[in-house]
Amino acid sequence: MQAGQLRHRVTLQTVTETRDAVGGIVESWATTVTLWAAVEPLRGREFFQARAEQAGVDTRIRIRYRSGLTPKMRVTWGSHAYDIEAVIEPDSRRRELHLMCSEVL
C-alpha cells in the first residue's frame, strides 16, 4: 500500500455505554484513533457484488493493518459517519484492511 493513496483523515470510534440519572443506558461514540485512509465509494458492478455479500455496503475504506477492529465500531470522515459491515484482510499478510461500510443517515 502506497502512502499517497491514503489521503483522507478518518476517525475510528467505539460505542460506550453509560447510565443516566434514571438508570437507563445511554450509548455514545468515543474516539479510538485518528488515521490516514482511502475512502472509496463503490460503483457499478463492484457495488452490486458487494451488495450480494453485504447488505447496505456502499463504501470501502482502506487503511493500514491494525488489530482489534470489529464491525461494532464506526468510522467518521468529515461530516460523514459509516457503520462497519465487515473487516476484510485482503492478502492475509497484515499489511492493509478493507472496511466495508454503509453510511449512517
PDB file of N, CA and C in Angstrom:
ATOM      1  N   MET A   1       0.849  -1.175   0.000  1.00  0.00           N
ATOM      2  CA  MET A   1       0.000   0.000   0.000  1.00  0.00           C
ATOM      3  C   MET A   1       0.896   1.240   0.000  1.00  0.00           C
ATOM      4  N   GLN A   2       0.662   2.122  -0.937  1.00  0.00           N
ATOM      5  CA  GLN A   2       1.454   3.334  -1.053  1.00  0.00           C
ATOM      6  C   GLN A   2       0.849   4.436  -0.193  1.00  0.00           C
ATOM      7  N   ALA A   3       1.701   5.176   0.481  1.00  0.00           N
ATOM      8  CA  ALA A   3       1.245   6.224   1.389  1.00  0.00           C
ATOM      9  C   ALA A   3       0.409   7.288   0.673  1.00  0.00           C
ATOM     10  N   GLY A   4       0.722   7.573  -0.591  1.00  0.00           N
ATOM     11  CA  GLY A   4      -0.009   8.595  -1.330  1.00  0.00           C
ATOM     12  C   GLY A   4      -1.474   8.262  -1.560  1.00  0.00           C
ATOM     13  N   GLN A   5      -1.833   6.992  -1.506  1.00  0.00           N
ATOM     14  CA  GLN A   5      -3.226   6.591  -1.688  1.00  0.00           C
ATOM     15  C   GLN A   5      -4.059   6.901  -0.450  1.00  0.00           C
ATOM     16  N   LEU A   6      -3.423   6.987   0.699  1.00  0.00           N
ATOM     17  CA  LEU A   6      -4.125   7.241   1.959  1.00  0.00           C
ATOM     18  C   LEU A   6      -4.170   8.749   2.201  1.00  0.00           C
ATOM     19  N   ARG A   7      -5.132   9.420   1.585  1.00  0.00           N
ATOM     20  CA  ARG A   7      -5.168  10.873   1.649  1.00  0.00           C
ATOM     21  C   ARG A   7      -6.340  11.436   2.446  1.00  0.00           C
ATOM     22  N   HIS A   8      -7.149  10.566   3.027  1.00  0.00           N
ATOM     23  CA  HIS A   8      -8.286  11.022   3.823  1.00  0.00           C
ATOM     24  C   HIS A   8      -8.010  10.780   5.309  1.00  0.00           C
ATOM     25  N   ARG A   9      -8.310  11.750   6.131  1.00  0.00           N
ATOM     26  CA  ARG A   9      -8.126  11.616   7.580  1.00  0.00           C
ATOM     27  C   ARG A   9      -9.445  11.134   8.167  1.00  0.00           C
ATOM     28  N   VAL A  10      -9.462   9.938   8.740  1.00  0.00           N
ATOM     29  CA  VAL A  10     -10.677   9.347   9.302  1.00  0.00           C
ATOM     30  C   VAL A  10     -10.478   9.068  10.787  1.00  0.00           C
ATOM     31  N   THR A  11     -11.591   8.885  11.480  1.00  0.00           N
ATOM     32  CA  THR A  11     -11.567   8.589  12.906  1.00  0.00           C
ATOM     33  C   THR A  11     -12.324   7.296  13.152  1.00  0.00           C
ATOM     34  N   LEU A  12     -11.711   6.372  13.883  1.00  0.00           N
ATOM     35  CA  LEU A  12     -12.392   5.148  14.305  1.00  0.00           C
ATOM     36  C   LEU A  12     -13.004   5.410  15.671  1.00  0.00           C
ATOM     37  N   GLN A  13     -14.260   5.009  15.834  1.00  0.00           N
ATOM     38  CA  GLN A  13     -14.967   5.236  17.088  1.00  0.00           C
ATOM     39  C   GLN A  13     -15.539   3.933  17.625  1.00  0.00           C
ATOM     40  N   THR A  14     -15.613   3.858  18.955  1.00  0.00           N
ATOM     41  CA  THR A  14     -16.177   2.708  19.650  1.00  0.00           C
ATOM     42  C   THR A  14     -17.369   3.175  20.464  1.00  0.00           C
ATOM     43  N   VAL A  15     -18.414   2.368  20.496  1.00  0.00           N
ATOM     44  CA  VAL A  15     -19.594   2.725  21.269  1.00  0.00           C
ATOM     45  C   VAL A  15     -19.302   2.517  22.760  1.00  0.00           C
ATOM     46  N   THR A  16     -19.736   3.474  23.572  1.00  0.00           N
ATOM     47  CA  THR A  16     -19.601   3.360  25.023  1.00  0.00           C
ATOM     48  C   THR A  16     -20.984   3.484  25.650  1.00  0.00           C
ATOM     49  N   GLU A  17     -21.192   2.731  26.692  1.00  0.00           N
ATOM     50  CA  GLU A  17     -22.480   2.764  27.377  1.00  0.00           C
ATOM     51  C   GLU A  17     -22.299   3.356  28.769  1.00  0.00           C
ATOM     52  N   THR A  18     -23.173   4.291  29.118  1.00  0.00           N
ATOM     53  CA  THR A  18     -23.185   4.889  30.452  1.00  0.00           C
ATOM     54  C   THR A  18     -24.606   4.880  30.967  1.00  0.00           C
ATOM     55  N   ARG A  19     -24.768   5.078  32.243  1.00  0.00           N
ATOM     56  CA  ARG A  19     -26.105   5.135  32.850  1.00  0.00           C
ATOM     57  C   ARG A  19     -26.490   6.594  33.082  1.00  0.00           C
ATOM     58  N   ASP A  20     -27.740   6.901  32.769  1.00  0.00           N
ATOM     59  CA  ASP A  20     -28.225   8.254  33.037  1.00  0.00           C
ATOM     60  C   ASP A  20     -28.749   8.333  34.474  1.00  0.00           C
ATOM     61  N   ALA A  21     -29.299   9.479  34.842  1.00  0.00           N
ATOM     62  CA  ALA A  21     -29.761   9.707  36.213  1.00  0.00           C
ATOM     63  C   ALA A  21     -30.897   8.768  36.607  1.00  0.00           C
ATOM     64  N   VAL A  22     -31.688   8.298  35.639  1.00  0.00           N
ATOM     65  CA  VAL A  22     -32.821   7.426  35.916  1.00  0.00           C
ATOM     66  C   VAL A  22     -32.402   5.950  35.933  1.00  0.00           C
ATOM     67  N   GLY A  23     -31.190   5.663  35.466  1.00  0.00           N
ATOM     68  CA  GLY A  23     -30.705   4.289  35.432  1.00  0.00           C
ATOM     69  C   GLY A  23     -30.758   3.655  34.062  1.00  0.00           C
ATOM     70  N   GLY A  24     -31.212   4.399  33.060  1.00  0.00           N
ATOM     71  CA  GLY A  24     -31.253   3.891  31.692  1.00  0.00           C
ATOM     72  C   GLY A  24     -29.871   3.914  31.059  1.00  0.00           C
ATOM     73  N   ILE A  25     -29.691   3.114  30.037  1.00  0.00           N
ATOM     74  CA  ILE A  25     -28.403   3.045  29.342  1.00  0.00           C
ATOM     75  C   ILE A  25     -28.388   4.054  28.203  1.00  0.00           C
ATOM     76  N   VAL A  26     -27.319   4.850  28.175  1.00  0.00           N
ATOM     77  CA  VAL A  26     -27.127   5.846  27.125  1.00  0.00           C
ATOM     78  C   VAL A  26     -25.892   5.443  26.324  1.00  0.00           C
ATOM     79  N   GLU A  27     -26.054   5.304  25.005  1.00  0.00           N
ATOM     80  CA  GLU A  27     -24.935   4.944  24.140  1.00  0.00           C
ATOM     81  C   GLU A  27     -24.361   6.195  23.496  1.00  0.00           C
ATOM     82  N   SER A  28     -23.043   6.304  23.490  1.00  0.00           N
ATOM     83  CA  SER A  28     -22.375   7.412  22.807  1.00  0.00           C
ATOM     84  C   SER A  28     -21.120   6.861  22.137  1.00  0.00           C
ATOM     85  N   TRP A  29     -20.535   7.644  21.247  1.00  0.00           N
ATOM     86  CA  TRP A  29     -19.366   7.203  20.487  1.00  0.00           C
ATOM     87  C   TRP A  29     -18.128   7.913  21.003  1.00  0.00           C
ATOM     88  N   ALA A  30     -17.086   7.138  21.294  1.00  0.00           N
ATOM     89  CA  ALA A  30     -15.814   7.673  21.769  1.00  0.00           C
ATOM     90  C   ALA A  30     -14.736   7.423  20.714  1.00  0.00           C
ATOM     91  N   THR A  31     -13.898   8.413  20.483  1.00  0.00           N
ATOM     92  CA  THR A  31     -12.822   8.282  19.509  1.00  0.00           C
ATOM     93  C   THR A  31     -11.779   7.293  19.996  1.00  0.00           C
ATOM     94  N   THR A  32     -11.446   6.324  19.142  1.00  0.00           N
ATOM     95  CA  THR A  32     -10.415   5.341  19.448  1.00  0.00           C
ATOM     96  C   THR A  32      -9.079   5.790  18.872  1.00  0.00           C
ATOM     97  N   VAL A  33      -9.074   6.148  17.588  1.00  0.00           N
ATOM     98  CA  VAL A  33      -7.841   6.572  16.922  1.00  0.00           C
ATOM     99  C   VAL A  33      -8.205   7.362  15.660  1.00  0.00           C
ATOM    100  N   THR A  34      -7.327   8.279  15.284  1.00  0.00           N
ATOM    101  CA  THR A  34      -7.449   9.005  14.024  1.00  0.00           C
ATOM    102  C   THR A  34      -6.290   8.570  13.144  1.00  0.00           C
ATOM    103  N   LEU A  35      -6.602   8.227  11.883  1.00  0.00           N
ATOM    104  CA  LEU A  35      -5.566   7.716  10.990  1.00  0.00           C
ATOM    105  C   LEU A  35      -5.846   8.073   9.542  1.00  0.00           C
ATOM    106  N   TRP A  36      -4.860   7.806   8.685  1.00  0.00           N
ATOM    107  CA  TRP A  36      -4.990   8.064   7.251  1.00  0.00           C
ATOM    108  C   TRP A  36      -5.635   6.864   6.566  1.00  0.00           C
ATOM    109  N   ALA A  37      -6.494   7.150   5.583  1.00  0.00           N
ATOM    110  CA  ALA A  37      -7.225   6.094   4.881  1.00  0.00           C
ATOM    111  C   ALA A  37      -7.531   6.528   3.450  1.00  0.00           C
ATOM    112  N   ALA A  38      -8.008   5.568   2.676  1.00  0.00           N
ATOM    113  CA  ALA A  38      -8.534   5.839   1.336  1.00  0.00           C
ATOM    114  C   ALA A  38     -10.026   5.518   1.383  1.00  0.00           C
ATOM    115  N   VAL A  39     -10.863   6.534   1.215  1.00  0.00           N
ATOM    116  CA  VAL A  39     -12.312   6.360   1.226  1.00  0.00           C
ATOM    117  C   VAL A  39     -12.763   6.227  -0.223  1.00  0.00           C
ATOM    118  N   GLU A  40     -13.354   5.056  -0.563  1.00  0.00           N
ATOM    119  CA  GLU A  40     -13.699   4.748  -1.944  1.00  0.00           C
ATOM    120  C   GLU A  40     -15.165   4.354  -2.057  1.00  0.00           C
ATOM    121  N   PRO A  41     -16.002   5.235  -2.588  1.00  0.00           N
ATOM    122  CA  PRO A  41     -17.388   4.836  -2.847  1.00  0.00           C
ATOM    123  C   PRO A  41     -17.413   3.703  -3.871  1.00  0.00           C
ATOM    124  N   LEU A  42     -18.245   2.697  -3.629  1.00  0.00           N
ATOM    125  CA  LEU A  42     -18.356   1.578  -4.559  1.00  0.00           C
ATOM    126  C   LEU A  42     -19.322   1.947  -5.671  1.00  0.00           C
ATOM    127  N   ARG A  43     -18.957   1.569  -6.907  1.00  0.00           N
ATOM    128  CA  ARG A  43     -19.789   1.926  -8.054  1.00  0.00           C
ATOM    129  C   ARG A  43     -19.995   0.728  -8.964  1.00  0.00           C
ATOM    130  N   GLY A  44     -21.036   0.816  -9.788  1.00  0.00           N
ATOM    131  CA  GLY A  44     -21.279  -0.150 -10.850  1.00  0.00           C
ATOM    132  C   GLY A  44     -21.289  -1.596 -10.398  1.00  0.00           C
ATOM    133  N   ARG A  45     -20.585  -2.435 -11.116  1.00  0.00           N
ATOM    134  CA  ARG A  45     -20.574  -3.874 -10.868  1.00  0.00           C
ATOM    135  C   ARG A  45     -20.019  -4.205  -9.485  1.00  0.00           C
ATOM    136  N   GLU A  46     -18.991  -3.496  -9.088  1.00  0.00           N
ATOM    137  CA  GLU A  46     -18.393  -3.736  -7.778  1.00  0.00           C
ATOM    138  C   GLU A  46     -19.420  -3.492  -6.677  1.00  0.00           C
ATOM    139  N   PHE A  47     -20.245  -2.467  -6.845  1.00  0.00           N
ATOM    140  CA  PHE A  47     -21.281  -2.144  -5.868  1.00  0.00           C
ATOM    141  C   PHE A  47     -22.283  -3.287  -5.744  1.00  0.00           C
ATOM    142  N   PHE A  48     -22.737  -3.823  -6.879  1.00  0.00           N
ATOM    143  CA  PHE A  48     -23.723  -4.897  -6.846  1.00  0.00           C
ATOM    144  C   PHE A  48     -23.141  -6.186  -6.282  1.00  0.00           C
ATOM    145  N   GLN A  49     -21.877  -6.470  -6.564  1.00  0.00           N
ATOM    146  CA  GLN A  49     -21.239  -7.647  -5.985  1.00  0.00           C
ATOM    147  C   GLN A  49     -21.138  -7.499  -4.471  1.00  0.00           C
ATOM    148  N   ALA A  50     -20.799  -6.324  -4.011  1.00  0.00           N
ATOM    149  CA  ALA A  50     -20.698  -6.096  -2.566  1.00  0.00           C
ATOM    150  C   ALA A  50     -22.067  -6.227  -1.910  1.00  0.00           C
ATOM    151  N   ARG A  51     -23.102  -5.736  -2.562  1.00  0.00           N
ATOM    152  CA  ARG A  51     -24.455  -5.836  -2.009  1.00  0.00           C
ATOM    153  C   ARG A  51     -24.896  -7.289  -1.863  1.00  0.00           C
ATOM    154  N   ALA A  52     -24.476  -8.140  -2.794  1.00  0.00           N
ATOM    155  CA  ALA A  52     -24.858  -9.547  -2.724  1.00  0.00           C
ATOM    156  C   ALA A  52     -24.274 -10.204  -1.482  1.00  0.00           C
ATOM    157  N   GLU A  53     -23.089  -9.751  -1.077  1.00  0.00           N
ATOM    158  CA  GLU A  53     -22.439 -10.343   0.086  1.00  0.00           C
ATOM    159  C   GLU A  53     -22.757  -9.595   1.369  1.00  0.00           C
ATOM    160  N   GLN A  54     -22.818  -8.287   1.316  1.00  0.00           N
ATOM    161  CA  GLN A  54     -23.038  -7.462   2.498  1.00  0.00           C
ATOM    162  C   GLN A  54     -24.143  -6.455   2.199  1.00  0.00           C
ATOM    163  N   ALA A  55     -25.311  -6.662   2.773  1.00  0.00           N
ATOM    164  CA  ALA A  55     -26.429  -5.762   2.527  1.00  0.00           C
ATOM    165  C   ALA A  55     -26.090  -4.356   2.991  1.00  0.00           C
ATOM    166  N   GLY A  56     -26.335  -3.376   2.155  1.00  0.00           N
ATOM    167  CA  GLY A  56     -26.156  -1.983   2.521  1.00  0.00           C
ATOM    168  C   GLY A  56     -24.735  -1.457   2.418  1.00  0.00           C
ATOM    169  N   VAL A  57     -23.806  -2.225   1.924  1.00  0.00           N
ATOM    170  CA  VAL A  57     -22.435  -1.747   1.801  1.00  0.00           C
ATOM    171  C   VAL A  57     -22.360  -0.761   0.639  1.00  0.00           C
ATOM    172  N   ASP A  58     -21.862   0.452   0.889  1.00  0.00           N
ATOM    173  CA  ASP A  58     -21.755   1.397  -0.200  1.00  0.00           C
ATOM    174  C   ASP A  58     -20.415   2.128  -0.238  1.00  0.00           C
ATOM    175  N   THR A  59     -19.520   1.851   0.707  1.00  0.00           N
ATOM    176  CA  THR A  59     -18.212   2.490   0.730  1.00  0.00           C
ATOM    177  C   THR A  59     -17.164   1.517   1.250  1.00  0.00           C
ATOM    178  N   ARG A  60     -15.997   1.539   0.602  1.00  0.00           N
ATOM    179  CA  ARG A  60     -14.862   0.764   1.099  1.00  0.00           C
ATOM    180  C   ARG A  60     -13.845   1.765   1.632  1.00  0.00           C
ATOM    181  N   ILE A  61     -13.365   1.525   2.837  1.00  0.00           N
ATOM    182  CA  ILE A  61     -12.344   2.368   3.444  1.00  0.00           C
ATOM    183  C   ILE A  61     -11.113   1.494   3.657  1.00  0.00           C
ATOM    184  N   ARG A  62     -10.012   1.870   2.997  1.00  0.00           N
ATOM    185  CA  ARG A  62      -8.775   1.094   3.098  1.00  0.00           C
ATOM    186  C   ARG A  62      -7.830   1.776   4.076  1.00  0.00           C
ATOM    187  N   ILE A  63      -7.284   1.002   5.011  1.00  0.00           N
ATOM    188  CA  ILE A  63      -6.345   1.516   5.999  1.00  0.00           C
ATOM    189  C   ILE A  63      -5.178   0.543   6.141  1.00  0.00           C
ATOM    190  N   ARG A  64      -4.101   0.996   6.757  1.00  0.00           N
ATOM    191  CA  ARG A  64      -3.023   0.077   7.094  1.00  0.00           C
ATOM    192  C   ARG A  64      -3.525  -0.898   8.143  1.00  0.00           C
ATOM    193  N   TYR A  65      -2.904  -2.066   8.191  1.00  0.00           N
ATOM    194  CA  TYR A  65      -3.346  -3.106   9.126  1.00  0.00           C
ATOM    195  C   TYR A  65      -3.320  -2.595  10.562  1.00  0.00           C
ATOM    196  N   ARG A  66      -4.356  -2.940  11.286  1.00  0.00           N
ATOM    197  CA  ARG A  66      -4.488  -2.569  12.695  1.00  0.00           C
ATOM    198  C   ARG A  66      -5.305  -3.657  13.365  1.00  0.00           C
ATOM    199  N   SER A  67      -4.806  -4.214  14.440  1.00  0.00           N
ATOM    200  CA  SER A  67      -5.540  -5.272  15.127  1.00  0.00           C
ATOM    201  C   SER A  67      -6.652  -4.670  15.979  1.00  0.00           C
ATOM    202  N   GLY A  68      -7.650  -5.476  16.270  1.00  0.00           N
ATOM    203  CA  GLY A  68      -8.714  -5.061  17.174  1.00  0.00           C
ATOM    204  C   GLY A  68      -9.922  -4.399  16.531  1.00  0.00           C
ATOM    205  N   LEU A  69      -9.952  -4.267  15.216  1.00  0.00           N
ATOM    206  CA  LEU A  69     -11.117  -3.655  14.564  1.00  0.00           C
ATOM    207  C   LEU A  69     -12.251  -4.673  14.469  1.00  0.00           C
ATOM    208  N   THR A  70     -13.472  -4.219  14.757  1.00  0.00           N
ATOM    209  CA  THR A  70     -14.642  -5.087  14.674  1.00  0.00           C
ATOM    210  C   THR A  70     -15.789  -4.341  14.002  1.00  0.00           C
ATOM    211  N   PRO A  71     -16.796  -5.060  13.528  1.00  0.00           N
ATOM    212  CA  PRO A  71     -17.970  -4.408  12.945  1.00  0.00           C
ATOM    213  C   PRO A  71     -18.811  -3.634  13.962  1.00  0.00           C
ATOM    214  N   LYS A  72     -18.479  -3.722  15.239  1.00  0.00           N
ATOM    215  CA  LYS A  72     -19.205  -2.943  16.254  1.00  0.00           C
ATOM    216  C   LYS A  72     -18.720  -1.499  16.307  1.00  0.00           C
ATOM    217  N   MET A  73     -17.645  -1.200  15.591  1.00  0.00           N
ATOM    218  CA  MET A  73     -17.092   0.149  15.558  1.00  0.00           C
ATOM    219  C   MET A  73     -17.685   0.924  14.385  1.00  0.00           C
ATOM    220  N   ARG A  74     -17.343   2.218  14.317  1.00  0.00           N
ATOM    221  CA  ARG A  74     -17.744   3.015  13.163  1.00  0.00           C
ATOM    222  C   ARG A  74     -16.609   3.948  12.773  1.00  0.00           C
ATOM    223  N   VAL A  75     -16.725   4.504  11.568  1.00  0.00           N
ATOM    224  CA  VAL A  75     -15.720   5.408  11.021  1.00  0.00           C
ATOM    225  C   VAL A  75     -16.392   6.734  10.726  1.00  0.00           C
ATOM    226  N   THR A  76     -15.718   7.830  11.060  1.00  0.00           N
ATOM    227  CA  THR A  76     -16.208   9.145  10.654  1.00  0.00           C
ATOM    228  C   THR A  76     -15.167   9.783   9.750  1.00  0.00           C
ATOM    229  N   TRP A  77     -15.658  10.502   8.754  1.00  0.00           N
ATOM    230  CA  TRP A  77     -14.802  11.224   7.816  1.00  0.00           C
ATOM    231  C   TRP A  77     -15.530  12.519   7.482  1.00  0.00           C
ATOM    232  N   GLY A  78     -14.994  13.621   7.911  1.00  0.00           N
ATOM    233  CA  GLY A  78     -15.655  14.908   7.719  1.00  0.00           C
ATOM    234  C   GLY A  78     -17.005  14.885   8.423  1.00  0.00           C
ATOM    235  N   SER A  79     -18.064  15.163   7.689  1.00  0.00           N
ATOM    236  CA  SER A  79     -19.413  15.148   8.263  1.00  0.00           C
ATOM    237  C   SER A  79     -20.114  13.812   8.064  1.00  0.00           C
ATOM    238  N   HIS A  80     -19.419  12.822   7.521  1.00  0.00           N
ATOM    239  CA  HIS A  80     -20.000  11.507   7.253  1.00  0.00           C
ATOM    240  C   HIS A  80     -19.649  10.524   8.361  1.00  0.00           C
ATOM    241  N   ALA A  81     -20.599   9.657   8.692  1.00  0.00           N
ATOM    242  CA  ALA A  81     -20.371   8.563   9.633  1.00  0.00           C
ATOM    243  C   ALA A  81     -20.736   7.264   8.928  1.00  0.00           C
ATOM    244  N   TYR A  82     -19.914   6.240   9.097  1.00  0.00           N
ATOM    245  CA  TYR A  82     -20.109   4.954   8.433  1.00  0.00           C
ATOM    246  C   TYR A  82     -20.106   3.827   9.455  1.00  0.00           C
ATOM    247  N   ASP A  83     -21.112   2.962   9.396  1.00  0.00           N
ATOM    248  CA  ASP A  83     -21.119   1.735  10.179  1.00  0.00           C
ATOM    249  C   ASP A  83     -20.251   0.718   9.454  1.00  0.00           C
ATOM    250  N   ILE A  84     -19.419   0.002  10.176  1.00  0.00           N
ATOM    251  CA  ILE A  84     -18.577  -1.032   9.569  1.00  0.00           C
ATOM    252  C   ILE A  84     -19.395  -2.305   9.461  1.00  0.00           C
ATOM    253  N   GLU A  85     -19.583  -2.778   8.237  1.00  0.00           N
ATOM    254  CA  GLU A  85     -20.330  -4.011   7.988  1.00  0.00           C
ATOM    255  C   GLU A  85     -19.413  -5.235   8.027  1.00  0.00           C
ATOM    256  N   ALA A  86     -18.179  -5.076   7.537  1.00  0.00           N
ATOM    257  CA  ALA A  86     -17.223  -6.184   7.524  1.00  0.00           C
ATOM    258  C   ALA A  86     -15.809  -5.634   7.530  1.00  0.00           C
ATOM    259  N   VAL A  87     -14.899  -6.372   8.162  1.00  0.00           N
ATOM    260  CA  VAL A  87     -13.474  -6.040   8.175  1.00  0.00           C
ATOM    261  C   VAL A  87     -12.771  -7.148   7.396  1.00  0.00           C
ATOM    262  N   ILE A  88     -12.134  -6.782   6.269  1.00  0.00           N
ATOM    263  CA  ILE A  88     -11.522  -7.767   5.385  1.00  0.00           C
ATOM    264  C   ILE A  88     -10.015  -7.514   5.313  1.00  0.00           C
ATOM    265  N   GLU A  89      -9.244  -8.575   5.499  1.00  0.00           N
ATOM    266  CA  GLU A  89      -7.797  -8.509   5.321  1.00  0.00           C
ATOM    267  C   GLU A  89      -7.499  -9.194   3.985  1.00  0.00           C
ATOM    268  N   PRO A  90      -7.326  -8.423   2.900  1.00  0.00           N
ATOM    269  CA  PRO A  90      -7.312  -8.998   1.552  1.00  0.00           C
ATOM    270  C   PRO A  90      -6.201  -9.994   1.257  1.00  0.00           C
ATOM    271  N   ASP A  91      -5.006  -9.783   1.757  1.00  0.00           N
ATOM    272  CA  ASP A  91      -3.920 -10.694   1.395  1.00  0.00           C
ATOM    273  C   ASP A  91      -3.422 -11.536   2.568  1.00  0.00           C
ATOM    274  N   SER A  92      -4.021 -11.418   3.719  1.00  0.00           N
ATOM    275  CA  SER A  92      -3.651 -12.174   4.931  1.00  0.00           C
ATOM    276  C   SER A  92      -2.186 -12.006   5.299  1.00  0.00           C
ATOM    277  N   ARG A  93      -1.634 -10.825   5.006  1.00  0.00           N
ATOM    278  CA  ARG A  93      -0.228 -10.561   5.315  1.00  0.00           C
ATOM    279  C   ARG A  93      -0.074  -9.406   6.303  1.00  0.00           C
ATOM    280  N   ARG A  94      -1.155  -8.984   6.904  1.00  0.00           N
ATOM    281  CA  ARG A  94      -1.145  -7.904   7.896  1.00  0.00           C
ATOM    282  C   ARG A  94      -0.542  -6.610   7.356  1.00  0.00           C
ATOM    283  N   ARG A  95      -0.927  -6.277   6.128  1.00  0.00           N
ATOM    284  CA  ARG A  95      -0.456  -5.034   5.516  1.00  0.00           C
ATOM    285  C   ARG A  95      -1.554  -3.983   5.458  1.00  0.00           C
ATOM    286  N   GLU A  96      -2.766  -4.422   5.104  1.00  0.00           N
ATOM    287  CA  GLU A  96      -3.867  -3.469   5.000  1.00  0.00           C
ATOM    288  C   GLU A  96      -5.178  -4.148   5.344  1.00  0.00           C
ATOM    289  N   LEU A  97      -6.174  -3.314   5.618  1.00  0.00           N
ATOM    290  CA  LEU A  97      -7.530  -3.791   5.889  1.00  0.00           C
ATOM    291  C   LEU A  97      -8.485  -3.023   4.990  1.00  0.00           C
ATOM    292  N   HIS A  98      -9.542  -3.706   4.566  1.00  0.00           N
ATOM    293  CA  HIS A  98     -10.640  -3.064   3.850  1.00  0.00           C
ATOM    294  C   HIS A  98     -11.842  -3.087   4.783  1.00  0.00           C
ATOM    295  N   LEU A  99     -12.377  -1.922   5.057  1.00  0.00           N
ATOM    296  CA  LEU A  99     -13.578  -1.810   5.883  1.00  0.00           C
ATOM    297  C   LEU A  99     -14.748  -1.575   4.944  1.00  0.00           C
ATOM    298  N   MET A 100     -15.644  -2.543   4.854  1.00  0.00           N
ATOM    299  CA  MET A 100     -16.830  -2.413   4.005  1.00  0.00           C
ATOM    300  C   MET A 100     -17.896  -1.758   4.872  1.00  0.00           C
ATOM    301  N   CYS A 101     -18.337  -0.582   4.432  1.00  0.00           N
ATOM    302  CA  CYS A 101     -19.170   0.267   5.295  1.00  0.00           C
ATOM    303  C   CYS A 101     -20.454   0.729   4.619  1.00  0.00           C
ATOM    304  N   SER A 102     -21.406   1.110   5.449  1.00  0.00           N
ATOM    305  CA  SER A 102     -22.624   1.761   4.975  1.00  0.00           C
ATOM    306  C   SER A 102     -22.757   3.080   5.733  1.00  0.00           C
ATOM    307  N   GLU A 103     -23.162   4.103   5.020  1.00  0.00           N
ATOM    308  CA  GLU A 103     -23.251   5.432   5.632  1.00  0.00           C
ATOM    309  C   GLU A 103     -24.441   5.512   6.572  1.00  0.00           C
ATOM    310  N   VAL A 104     -24.236   6.141   7.714  1.00  0.00           N
ATOM    311  CA  VAL A 104     -25.294   6.360   8.684  1.00  0.00           C
ATOM    312  C   VAL A 104     -26.037   7.614   8.251  1.00  0.00           C
ATOM    313  N   LEU A 105     -27.340   7.511   8.075  1.00  0.00           N
ATOM    314  CA  LEU A 105     -28.133   8.669   7.634  1.00  0.00           C
ATOM    315  C   LEU A 105     -28.691   9.448   8.781  1.00  0.00           C
TER     316      LEU A 105
END
